[in-house]
C-alpha atoms as a PDB file:
ATOM      1  CA  ILE A   1     222.403 291.486 123.200  1.00  0.00           C
ATOM      2  CA  THR A   2     219.938 291.512 120.300  1.00  0.00           C
ATOM      3  CA  GLY A   3     222.635 290.308 117.899  1.00  0.00           C
ATOM      4  CA  SER A   4     223.581 287.454 120.244  1.00  0.00           C
ATOM      5  CA  ILE A   5     219.941 286.374 120.521  1.00  0.00           C
ATOM      6  CA  TYR A   6     219.570 286.514 116.729  1.00  0.00           C
ATOM      7  CA  ALA A   7     222.745 284.458 116.236  1.00  0.00           C
ATOM      8  CA  LYS A   8     221.616 281.807 118.721  1.00  0.00           C
ATOM      9  CA  GLU A   9     218.097 281.565 117.263  1.00  0.00           C
ATOM     10  CA  ASN A  10     219.550 281.083 113.758  1.00  0.00           C
ATOM     11  CA  ASN A  11     222.387 278.719 114.747  1.00  0.00           C
ATOM     12  CA  PHE A  12     225.098 281.237 113.773  1.00  0.00           C
ATOM     13  CA  ASP A  13     228.435 281.380 115.577  1.00  0.00           C
ATOM     14  CA  THR A  14     228.275 285.177 115.543  1.00  0.00           C
ATOM     15  CA  CYS A  15     226.872 288.116 113.601  1.00  0.00           C
ATOM     16  CA  LEU A  16     228.602 291.030 111.963  1.00  0.00           C
ATOM     17  CA  VAL A  17     227.899 294.526 113.268  1.00  0.00           C
ATOM     18  CA  LEU A  18     227.250 297.501 110.948  1.00  0.00           C
ATOM     19  CA  ASN A  19     227.647 301.173 111.801  1.00  0.00           C
ATOM     20  CA  THR A  20     225.239 303.949 110.810  1.00  0.00           C
ATOM     21  CA  GLU A  21     226.958 304.222 107.398  1.00  0.00           C
ATOM     22  CA  LYS A  22     226.221 300.501 106.851  1.00  0.00           C
ATOM     23  CA  ASN A  23     229.902 299.538 106.959  1.00  0.00           C
ATOM     24  CA  VAL A  24     230.944 296.345 108.729  1.00  0.00           C
ATOM     25  CA  ILE A  25     232.858 297.270 111.867  1.00  0.00           C
ATOM     26  CA  GLU A  26     233.262 293.993 113.774  1.00  0.00           C
ATOM     27  CA  ALA A  27     231.555 290.795 114.899  1.00  0.00           C
ATOM     28  CA  LEU A  28     229.572 290.627 118.142  1.00  0.00           C
ATOM     29  CA  ASN A  29     232.655 289.980 120.305  1.00  0.00           C
ATOM     30  CA  SER A  30     235.558 290.210 117.866  1.00  0.00           C
ATOM     31  CA  ASN A  31     237.451 292.469 115.509  1.00  0.00           C
ATOM     32  CA  LEU A  32     237.223 291.720 111.789  1.00  0.00           C
ATOM     33  CA  PHE A  33     240.113 291.375 109.342  1.00  0.00           C
ATOM     34  CA  MET A  34     239.812 290.829 105.594  1.00  0.00           C
ATOM     35  CA  LYS A  35     242.475 289.530 103.185  1.00  0.00           C
ATOM     36  CA  MET A  36     242.266 290.599  99.547  1.00  0.00           C
ATOM     37  CA  GLY A  37     245.216 289.454  97.500  1.00  0.00           C
ATOM     38  CA  SER A  38     248.332 290.492  99.401  1.00  0.00           C
ATOM     39  CA  GLN A  39     246.532 293.089 101.498  1.00  0.00           C
ATOM     40  CA  ILE A  40     244.975 292.840 104.965  1.00  0.00           C
ATOM     41  CA  ILE A  41     242.246 295.349 105.745  1.00  0.00           C
ATOM     42  CA  THR A  42     240.474 296.035 109.029  1.00  0.00           C
ATOM     43  CA  PRO A  43     237.942 298.765 109.812  1.00  0.00           C
ATOM     44  CA  PRO A  44     239.390 301.935 111.346  1.00  0.00           C
ATOM     45  CA  ILE A  45     238.580 302.847 114.938  1.00  0.00           C
ATOM     46  CA  GLU A  46     236.685 305.876 113.609  1.00  0.00           C
ATOM     47  CA  ASP A  47     234.110 303.513 112.065  1.00  0.00           C
ATOM     48  CA  GLY A  48     233.211 302.266 115.552  1.00  0.00           C
ATOM     49  CA  CYS A  49     235.158 299.065 116.186  1.00  0.00           C
ATOM     50  CA  VAL A  50     236.811 298.320 119.519  1.00  0.00           C
ATOM     51  CA  ASN A  51     240.556 298.973 119.659  1.00  0.00           C
ATOM     52  CA  GLY A  52     241.268 295.784 121.593  1.00  0.00           C
ATOM     53  CA  ILE A  53     244.521 294.240 122.739  1.00  0.00           C
ATOM     54  CA  MET A  54     244.330 291.341 120.273  1.00  0.00           C
ATOM     55  CA  ARG A  55     243.531 293.722 117.410  1.00  0.00           C
ATOM     56  CA  LYS A  56     246.633 295.772 118.203  1.00  0.00           C
ATOM     57  CA  LYS A  57     248.822 292.668 118.546  1.00  0.00           C
ATOM     58  CA  CYS A  58     247.608 291.206 115.238  1.00  0.00           C
ATOM     59  CA  ILE A  59     248.144 294.508 113.424  1.00  0.00           C
ATOM     60  CA  ALA A  60     251.705 294.642 114.762  1.00  0.00           C
ATOM     61  CA  LEU A  61     252.378 291.067 113.581  1.00  0.00           C
ATOM     62  CA  ILE A  62     250.796 291.685 110.159  1.00  0.00           C
ATOM     63  CA  LYS A  63     253.005 294.750 109.662  1.00  0.00           C
ATOM     64  CA  THR A  64     256.132 292.585 110.106  1.00  0.00           C
ATOM     65  CA  ASP A  65     255.199 290.436 107.087  1.00  0.00           C
ATOM     66  CA  GLU A  66     257.064 291.755 104.036  1.00  0.00           C
ATOM     67  CA  ASN A  67     254.680 289.985 101.645  1.00  0.00           C
ATOM     68  CA  ILE A  68     251.530 291.617 103.041  1.00  0.00           C
ATOM     69  CA  SER A  69     250.438 295.243 103.071  1.00  0.00           C
ATOM     70  CA  PHE A  70     248.117 296.472 105.801  1.00  0.00           C
ATOM     71  CA  LYS A  71     245.555 299.247 105.933  1.00  0.00           C
ATOM     72  CA  GLU A  72     242.627 300.403 107.999  1.00  0.00           C
ATOM     73  CA  GLU A  73     239.700 301.116 105.712  1.00  0.00           C
ATOM     74  CA  SER A  74     235.911 300.990 105.846  1.00  0.00           C
ATOM     75  CA  ILE A  75     234.509 297.626 104.751  1.00  0.00           C
ATOM     76  CA  SER A  76     231.133 297.261 103.085  1.00  0.00           C
ATOM     77  CA  PRO A  77     229.135 294.022 103.259  1.00  0.00           C
ATOM     78  CA  PHE A  78     229.780 293.669  99.503  1.00  0.00           C
ATOM     79  CA  ASP A  79     233.563 293.777 100.085  1.00  0.00           C
ATOM     80  CA  LEU A  80     233.289 290.666 102.256  1.00  0.00           C
ATOM     81  CA  GLN A  81     232.085 288.575  99.342  1.00  0.00           C
ATOM     82  CA  LYS A  82     235.088 289.679  97.241  1.00  0.00           C
ATOM     83  CA  ALA A  83     237.613 288.786  99.961  1.00  0.00           C
ATOM     84  CA  ASP A  84     239.971 285.823  99.789  1.00  0.00           C
ATOM     85  CA  GLU A  85     239.879 285.333 103.537  1.00  0.00           C
ATOM     86  CA  LEU A  86     238.107 286.715 106.611  1.00  0.00           C
ATOM     87  CA  PHE A  87     239.048 286.217 110.240  1.00  0.00           C
ATOM     88  CA  LEU A  88     238.052 287.471 113.672  1.00  0.00           C
ATOM     89  CA  THR A  89     240.248 288.258 116.656  1.00  0.00           C
ATOM     90  CA  ASN A  90     239.658 288.637 120.384  1.00  0.00           C
ATOM     91  CA  CYS A  91     241.553 287.894 123.588  1.00  0.00           C
ATOM     92  CA  ILE A  92     239.439 284.912 124.552  1.00  0.00           C
ATOM     93  CA  SER A  93     239.322 282.985 121.255  1.00  0.00           C
ATOM     94  CA  GLY A  94     242.492 284.339 119.663  1.00  0.00           C
ATOM     95  CA  ILE A  95     242.194 284.181 115.864  1.00  0.00           C
ATOM     96  CA  GLN A  96     239.155 282.542 114.299  1.00  0.00           C
ATOM     97  CA  PRO A  97     238.926 282.090 110.525  1.00  0.00           C
ATOM     98  CA  ILE A  98     235.541 282.691 108.938  1.00  0.00           C
ATOM     99  CA  THR A  99     234.956 279.766 106.625  1.00  0.00           C
ATOM    100  CA  LYS A 100     231.638 280.830 105.119  1.00  0.00           C
ATOM    101  CA  TYR A 101     229.750 284.089 104.573  1.00  0.00           C
ATOM    102  CA  ARG A 102     226.506 283.905 102.630  1.00  0.00           C
ATOM    103  CA  LYS A 103     227.317 281.409  99.854  1.00  0.00           C
ATOM    104  CA  LYS A 104     231.067 282.024  99.704  1.00  0.00           C
ATOM    105  CA  ILE A 105     233.604 279.618 101.207  1.00  0.00           C
ATOM    106  CA  PHE A 106     236.872 281.230 102.358  1.00  0.00           C
ATOM    107  CA  GLU A 107     240.484 280.146 102.622  1.00  0.00           C
ATOM    108  CA  THR A 108     242.019 280.011 106.098  1.00  0.00           C
ATOM    109  CA  HIS A 109     245.758 279.990 105.291  1.00  0.00           C
ATOM    110  CA  PHE A 110     246.681 283.488 106.435  1.00  0.00           C
ATOM    111  CA  ALA A 111     244.694 283.262 109.681  1.00  0.00           C
ATOM    112  CA  GLU A 112     246.420 279.955 110.469  1.00  0.00           C
ATOM    113  CA  GLU A 113     249.864 281.456 109.762  1.00  0.00           C
ATOM    114  CA  LEU A 114     249.062 284.502 111.888  1.00  0.00           C
ATOM    115  CA  LEU A 115     247.928 282.264 114.754  1.00  0.00           C
ATOM    116  CA  THR A 116     251.249 280.385 114.570  1.00  0.00           C
ATOM    117  CA  LYS A 117     253.166 283.696 114.690  1.00  0.00           C
ATOM    118  CA  LEU A 118     251.025 284.885 117.588  1.00  0.00           C
ATOM    119  CA  ASN A 119     251.667 281.687 119.561  1.00  0.00           C
ATOM    120  CA  LEU A 120     255.414 281.903 118.903  1.00  0.00           C
ATOM    121  CA  ASP A 121     255.446 285.548 119.962  1.00  0.00           C
ATOM    122  CA  PHE A 122     253.687 284.788 123.250  1.00  0.00           C
ATOM    123  CA  ASN A 123     255.976 281.845 123.964  1.00  0.00           C
ATOM    124  CA  LEU A 124     259.174 283.895 123.663  1.00  0.00           C
END
């Protein structure tokens, strides 16, 4: 609730949530994924993120891509600024690319491709 109030007061779409070890675990209502090179990383459940339906579905789709490797690993706020792409997932909004974090502007290519795969998968 506090994070949602902070986001609204500062005109943010959402805020990122940290655990007690100061690792990023998710956004207020979404799971976080980070692309670095040809690797997709998301925080492990043990860090405190929600193991939601959309998270599981996206992980399954990512693992079918031969050009991408996937791993669950703790993510520090500093890692986010080194990423090529960041995106959020939840059942209501689907896949949402993060276009800006601090002063960095991110690509959205992989998130867009994953959304296309997700839509095709649900339409089968």
